[in-house]
Protein backbone atom coordinates (compact mmCIF):
# COMPACT_ATOMS: atom_id res chain seq x y z
CA MET A 1 -57.64 -20.67 -46.67
CA PHE A 2 -54.16 -21.77 -47.63
CA THR A 3 -52.59 -20.97 -50.94
CA CYS A 4 -50.58 -23.45 -52.87
CA ASP A 5 -47.27 -21.99 -51.68
CA GLU A 6 -48.41 -22.21 -48.07
CA CYS A 7 -49.37 -25.79 -48.54
CA LEU A 8 -45.89 -26.61 -49.86
CA ALA A 9 -44.31 -24.90 -46.90
CA THR A 10 -46.50 -26.38 -44.15
CA ASN A 11 -47.39 -29.89 -45.21
CA PRO A 12 -45.02 -31.78 -47.56
CA TYR A 13 -47.42 -34.69 -47.93
CA GLN A 14 -50.17 -32.33 -49.06
CA SER A 15 -47.74 -30.93 -51.63
CA ILE A 16 -47.43 -34.39 -53.13
CA VAL A 17 -51.20 -34.64 -53.43
CA ILE A 18 -51.40 -31.26 -55.03
CA ASN A 19 -48.51 -32.23 -57.35
CA ARG A 20 -50.35 -35.34 -58.48
CA ARG A 21 -53.52 -33.33 -59.11
CA SER A 22 -51.86 -30.46 -60.94
CA LYS A 23 -48.79 -31.86 -62.65
CA ALA A 24 -48.58 -28.92 -65.02
CA THR A 25 -48.06 -26.49 -62.14
CA PHE A 26 -45.46 -28.24 -59.96
CA SER A 27 -43.72 -30.70 -62.24
CA PRO A 28 -41.30 -28.08 -63.62
CA SER A 29 -40.08 -27.20 -60.10
CA ILE A 30 -39.47 -30.89 -59.30
CA ASN A 31 -37.58 -31.43 -62.57
CA LEU A 32 -35.47 -28.34 -61.80
CA THR A 33 -34.61 -29.84 -58.39
CA ASN A 34 -33.57 -33.09 -60.02
CA LYS A 35 -31.39 -31.19 -62.46
CA PHE A 36 -29.61 -29.59 -59.51
CA GLN A 37 -29.28 -32.83 -57.60
CA SER A 38 -27.86 -35.06 -60.32
CA PRO A 39 -24.58 -33.09 -60.85
CA ILE A 40 -24.09 -32.93 -57.09
CA LEU A 41 -24.59 -36.71 -56.67
CA ALA A 42 -22.26 -37.34 -59.61
CA THR A 43 -19.60 -35.12 -58.08
CA LEU A 44 -19.92 -36.77 -54.66
CA GLY A 45 -19.63 -40.25 -56.29
CA HIS A 46 -16.53 -39.14 -58.15
CA VAL A 47 -14.95 -37.79 -54.94
CA GLN A 48 -15.78 -41.01 -53.09
CA ALA A 49 -14.29 -43.10 -55.83
CA GLN A 50 -11.08 -41.00 -55.70
CA THR A 51 -10.76 -41.17 -51.89
CA ARG A 52 -11.68 -44.83 -51.57
CA PRO A 53 -9.30 -46.96 -53.66
CA ASP A 54 -11.15 -50.11 -52.74
CA LEU A 55 -14.19 -48.86 -54.67
CA ARG A 56 -12.33 -48.25 -57.85
CA HIS A 57 -11.96 -50.95 -60.42
CA ALA A 58 -8.48 -52.33 -60.99
CA PRO A 59 -6.75 -50.81 -64.04
CA ALA A 60 -7.01 -52.71 -67.22
CA ARG A 61 -3.99 -54.89 -67.81
CA SER A 62 -3.12 -57.02 -70.76
CA ALA A 63 -3.69 -60.81 -70.35
CA ASN A 64 -0.10 -61.86 -71.11
CA PRO A 65 2.38 -59.00 -71.13
CA SER A 66 5.97 -59.70 -72.09
CA PHE A 67 8.44 -60.07 -69.23
CA PHE A 68 10.63 -57.20 -70.22
CA GLN A 69 7.66 -54.91 -70.87
CA ALA A 70 6.23 -55.67 -67.42
CA LEU A 71 9.62 -55.20 -65.77
CA SER A 72 10.11 -51.93 -67.62
CA ASP A 73 6.73 -50.68 -66.41
CA LEU A 74 7.74 -51.45 -62.84
CA PHE A 75 11.05 -49.61 -63.36
CA TRP A 76 9.30 -46.42 -64.56
CA HIS A 77 6.47 -46.75 -62.01
CA PRO A 78 8.01 -48.09 -58.80
CA GLN A 79 5.03 -46.87 -56.77
CA ARG A 80 3.20 -49.98 -57.83
CA ILE A 81 5.53 -51.96 -55.57
CA LEU A 82 4.97 -49.60 -52.68
CA PHE A 83 1.19 -49.37 -53.04
CA LEU A 84 0.76 -53.17 -53.47
CA TRP A 85 2.93 -54.11 -50.52
CA ASN A 86 1.57 -57.62 -49.96
CA TRP A 87 0.79 -58.09 -46.31
CA LYS A 88 -0.75 -61.51 -47.02
CA SER A 89 2.59 -62.87 -48.26
CA ALA A 90 4.35 -61.17 -45.34
CA TRP A 91 2.11 -62.92 -42.84
CA LEU A 92 2.45 -66.34 -44.49
CA SER A 93 6.22 -65.95 -44.65
CA ILE A 94 6.45 -65.13 -40.93
CA ILE A 95 4.24 -68.15 -40.09
CA LEU A 96 6.41 -70.49 -42.23
CA ARG A 97 9.98 -69.24 -41.59
CA GLY A 98 9.77 -67.77 -38.08
CA PRO A 99 9.54 -71.12 -36.29
CA ILE A 100 12.70 -72.36 -38.13
CA PHE A 101 14.98 -69.81 -36.44
CA LEU A 102 13.09 -70.33 -33.16
CA ALA A 103 13.69 -74.08 -33.23
CA VAL A 104 17.31 -73.85 -34.31
CA THR A 105 18.27 -71.32 -31.63
CA ILE A 106 16.16 -72.70 -28.70
CA LYS A 107 19.18 -74.39 -27.11
CA ARG A 108 20.96 -71.05 -26.75
CA GLY A 109 18.35 -69.72 -24.36
CA PHE A 110 15.13 -67.73 -24.47
CA PHE A 111 16.65 -64.33 -25.32
CA ALA A 112 18.74 -65.70 -28.19
CA SER A 113 15.65 -67.46 -29.64
CA LEU A 114 13.54 -64.34 -29.20
CA SER A 115 16.16 -62.11 -30.84
CA ALA A 116 16.40 -64.52 -33.85
CA LEU A 117 12.57 -64.66 -34.08
CA ILE A 118 12.13 -60.85 -34.01
CA THR A 119 14.88 -60.39 -36.64
CA GLU A 120 13.24 -62.95 -38.88
CA CYS A 121 9.82 -61.39 -38.49
CA ILE A 122 11.22 -57.97 -39.50
CA VAL A 123 13.04 -59.43 -42.46
CA CYS A 124 9.91 -61.36 -43.60
CA ALA A 125 7.67 -58.38 -43.18
CA ALA A 126 9.96 -56.27 -45.40
CA THR A 127 11.16 -58.68 -48.03
CA ALA A 128 8.10 -60.99 -48.38
CA GLY A 129 5.72 -58.00 -48.62
CA PHE A 130 7.69 -56.43 -51.48
CA TYR A 131 8.29 -59.77 -53.09
CA GLY A 132 4.52 -60.46 -53.14
CA ALA A 133 3.98 -57.08 -54.79
CA LEU A 134 6.57 -57.91 -57.40
CA VAL A 135 4.93 -61.34 -58.03
CA GLN A 136 1.49 -59.72 -58.34
CA ASN A 137 2.74 -57.33 -61.03
CA LEU A 138 4.65 -59.98 -63.01
CA ARG A 139 2.49 -63.07 -62.45
CA ASP A 140 1.17 -63.27 -66.08
CA ALA A 141 4.36 -62.20 -67.84
CA THR A 142 5.64 -64.30 -70.73
CA PRO A 143 7.63 -66.39 -71.39
CA LEU A 144 6.84 -68.36 -68.23
CA TRP A 145 10.30 -69.90 -67.87
CA LEU A 146 11.97 -66.43 -67.74
CA THR A 147 9.37 -65.17 -65.27
CA ALA A 148 9.94 -68.35 -63.14
CA VAL A 149 13.75 -67.88 -63.12
CA PHE A 150 13.38 -64.25 -62.05
CA LEU A 151 10.64 -64.79 -59.42
CA VAL A 152 11.69 -68.20 -58.04
CA VAL A 153 15.50 -68.06 -58.29
CA PHE A 154 16.91 -64.53 -58.74
CA VAL A 155 14.72 -62.43 -56.42
CA PRO A 156 14.59 -64.97 -53.50
CA SER A 157 18.39 -65.32 -53.71
CA VAL A 158 18.81 -61.57 -53.25
CA PHE A 159 16.38 -61.48 -50.35
CA GLN A 160 18.04 -64.55 -48.80
CA GLY A 161 21.42 -62.79 -48.97
CA ILE A 162 19.98 -59.74 -47.18
CA GLU A 163 18.48 -62.02 -44.54
CA TYR A 164 21.81 -63.81 -43.99
CA LEU A 165 23.64 -60.53 -43.46
CA LEU A 166 21.10 -59.24 -40.98
CA HIS A 167 21.26 -62.45 -38.94
CA LEU A 168 25.05 -62.40 -39.17
CA VAL A 169 25.13 -58.89 -37.73
CA ARG A 170 22.68 -59.92 -34.95
CA GLY A 171 24.87 -62.89 -34.09
CA THR A 172 22.18 -65.55 -34.61
CA PRO A 173 23.54 -68.96 -33.54
CA HIS A 174 23.50 -72.01 -35.88
CA LEU A 175 22.96 -69.55 -38.77
CA ARG A 176 24.25 -71.89 -41.53
CA VAL A 177 21.73 -74.67 -40.66
CA ALA A 178 18.86 -72.15 -40.31
CA GLU A 179 19.71 -70.48 -43.62
CA ILE A 180 19.84 -73.81 -45.54
CA ILE A 181 16.37 -74.74 -44.25
CA SER A 182 15.11 -71.21 -44.80
CA ALA A 183 16.41 -71.23 -48.41
CA GLY A 184 14.56 -74.43 -49.15
CA VAL A 185 11.33 -73.11 -47.61
CA SER A 186 11.85 -69.79 -49.49
CA ALA A 187 12.18 -71.53 -52.85
CA VAL A 188 9.03 -73.64 -52.35
CA SER A 189 7.04 -70.71 -50.91
CA SER A 190 8.14 -68.40 -53.82
CA LEU A 191 6.94 -70.93 -56.37
CA PHE A 192 3.69 -71.43 -54.47
CA ASN A 193 3.06 -67.66 -54.28
CA TRP A 194 3.45 -67.37 -58.02
CA TYR A 195 1.21 -70.41 -58.49
CA ALA A 196 -1.52 -69.01 -56.20
CA MET A 197 -1.43 -65.48 -57.55
CA ARG A 198 -1.85 -66.75 -61.10
CA ARG A 199 -5.09 -68.30 -59.88
CA GLY A 200 -6.39 -65.12 -58.22
CA ALA A 201 -5.38 -65.86 -54.61
CA LEU A 202 -3.16 -63.90 -52.19
CA LEU A 203 -3.67 -60.68 -54.12
CA VAL A 204 -4.04 -57.26 -52.52
CA GLY A 205 -5.51 -54.02 -53.75
CA GLY A 206 -8.38 -53.85 -56.26
CA GLU A 207 -7.62 -57.30 -57.65
CA GLY A 208 -7.59 -59.09 -54.30
CA SER A 209 -10.33 -60.63 -52.14
CA SER A 210 -10.55 -60.98 -48.38
CA PHE A 211 -7.84 -62.82 -46.50
CA GLY A 212 -10.47 -65.19 -45.12
CA SER A 213 -11.51 -66.35 -48.56
CA ASP A 214 -7.82 -66.83 -49.52
CA LEU A 215 -7.31 -68.94 -46.40
CA HIS A 216 -10.40 -70.93 -47.33
CA ARG A 217 -8.92 -71.66 -50.76
CA LEU A 218 -5.47 -72.43 -49.38
CA PRO A 219 -5.82 -76.15 -48.69
CA LYS A 220 -7.03 -76.91 -52.23
CA LEU A 221 -4.33 -74.66 -53.76
CA LEU A 222 -1.63 -76.45 -51.69
CA PHE A 223 -2.97 -79.90 -52.79
CA ASP A 224 -3.09 -78.87 -56.46
CA PHE A 225 0.35 -77.29 -56.19
CA PHE A 226 2.07 -80.40 -54.85
CA ALA A 227 0.08 -82.65 -57.13
CA THR A 228 1.05 -80.77 -60.28
CA LEU A 229 4.35 -82.50 -60.80
CA PRO A 230 3.11 -86.12 -60.23
CA ARG A 231 0.18 -85.38 -62.56
CA LYS A 232 2.45 -84.14 -65.29
CA LEU A 233 4.78 -87.09 -64.90
CA THR A 234 1.83 -89.56 -65.08
CA ARG A 235 0.41 -87.75 -68.09
CA SER A 236 3.75 -87.78 -69.92
CA ARG A 237 4.25 -91.47 -69.15
CA ARG A 238 0.76 -92.30 -70.48
CA THR A 239 1.48 -90.27 -73.57
CA SER A 240 4.76 -92.08 -74.23
CA GLU A 241 3.17 -95.47 -73.65
CA GLY A 242 0.29 -94.60 -75.96
CA SER A 243 2.68 -93.48 -78.73
CA ARG A 244 4.70 -96.68 -78.21
CA ASP A 245 1.59 -98.80 -78.56
CA ASP A 246 0.56 -96.97 -81.71
CA SER A 247 3.96 -97.55 -83.26
CA ALA A 248 3.94 -101.24 -82.34
CA SER A 249 0.42 -101.96 -83.70
CA PRO A 250 0.25 -103.04 -87.38
CA ARG A 251 -0.95 -100.44 -89.72
CA SER A 252 -3.82 -101.18 -92.06
CA PHE A 253 -3.13 -101.08 -95.83
CA THR A 254 -5.07 -98.43 -97.62
CA PRO A 255 -4.85 -98.49 -101.46
């Protein structure tokens, strides 16, 4: 005849039956096991959260930080730019600006075009990735006009100067024409990056979604982006016409 300890050692299913029949005898041992398991599971979950950044929640950030405060935070914590290197912006920049240098230099031969394309891909991968990280950190900074001047005019001009020097050293033909077109594309793409990131697209790290979902949203974002200025002009004209009609209509006399 088996004792209770032998039953536990030989047949685990029988131990469950015995446990159900005599809760007072075996329930303390099971509770003791759970007490040992819960700290271990908590420790494993903590280690996993530390080693897997994608499982951690994004740090809390104020809704509308001031521009100088956000820029000061980046100055004292430059690792945010390194850790949030935006590969999505880098890929889009290569797709948009690479063909410009390929088309402009195609008459100079295959190797000249290939050299210009490789140089532009390297420049885009470096500058556009760090620029995307900068936009992601400053996208909600206020006032908006100061953030726009910094992100759309100042930073792209610096990167454009670096690009021009690299192509000049490489001896890229028709560089002036290519740089003029590239500067126009860079200005529009910089403004669009800021517009899209303010709406939760093209973000990386804990705040970002998959690149596939960003590409799925891209057509609507592009349509809304290019339709923003006509909508504002139409709205302002309607407002001015409405105020003009109100001023022209006779006012009723109220005693």
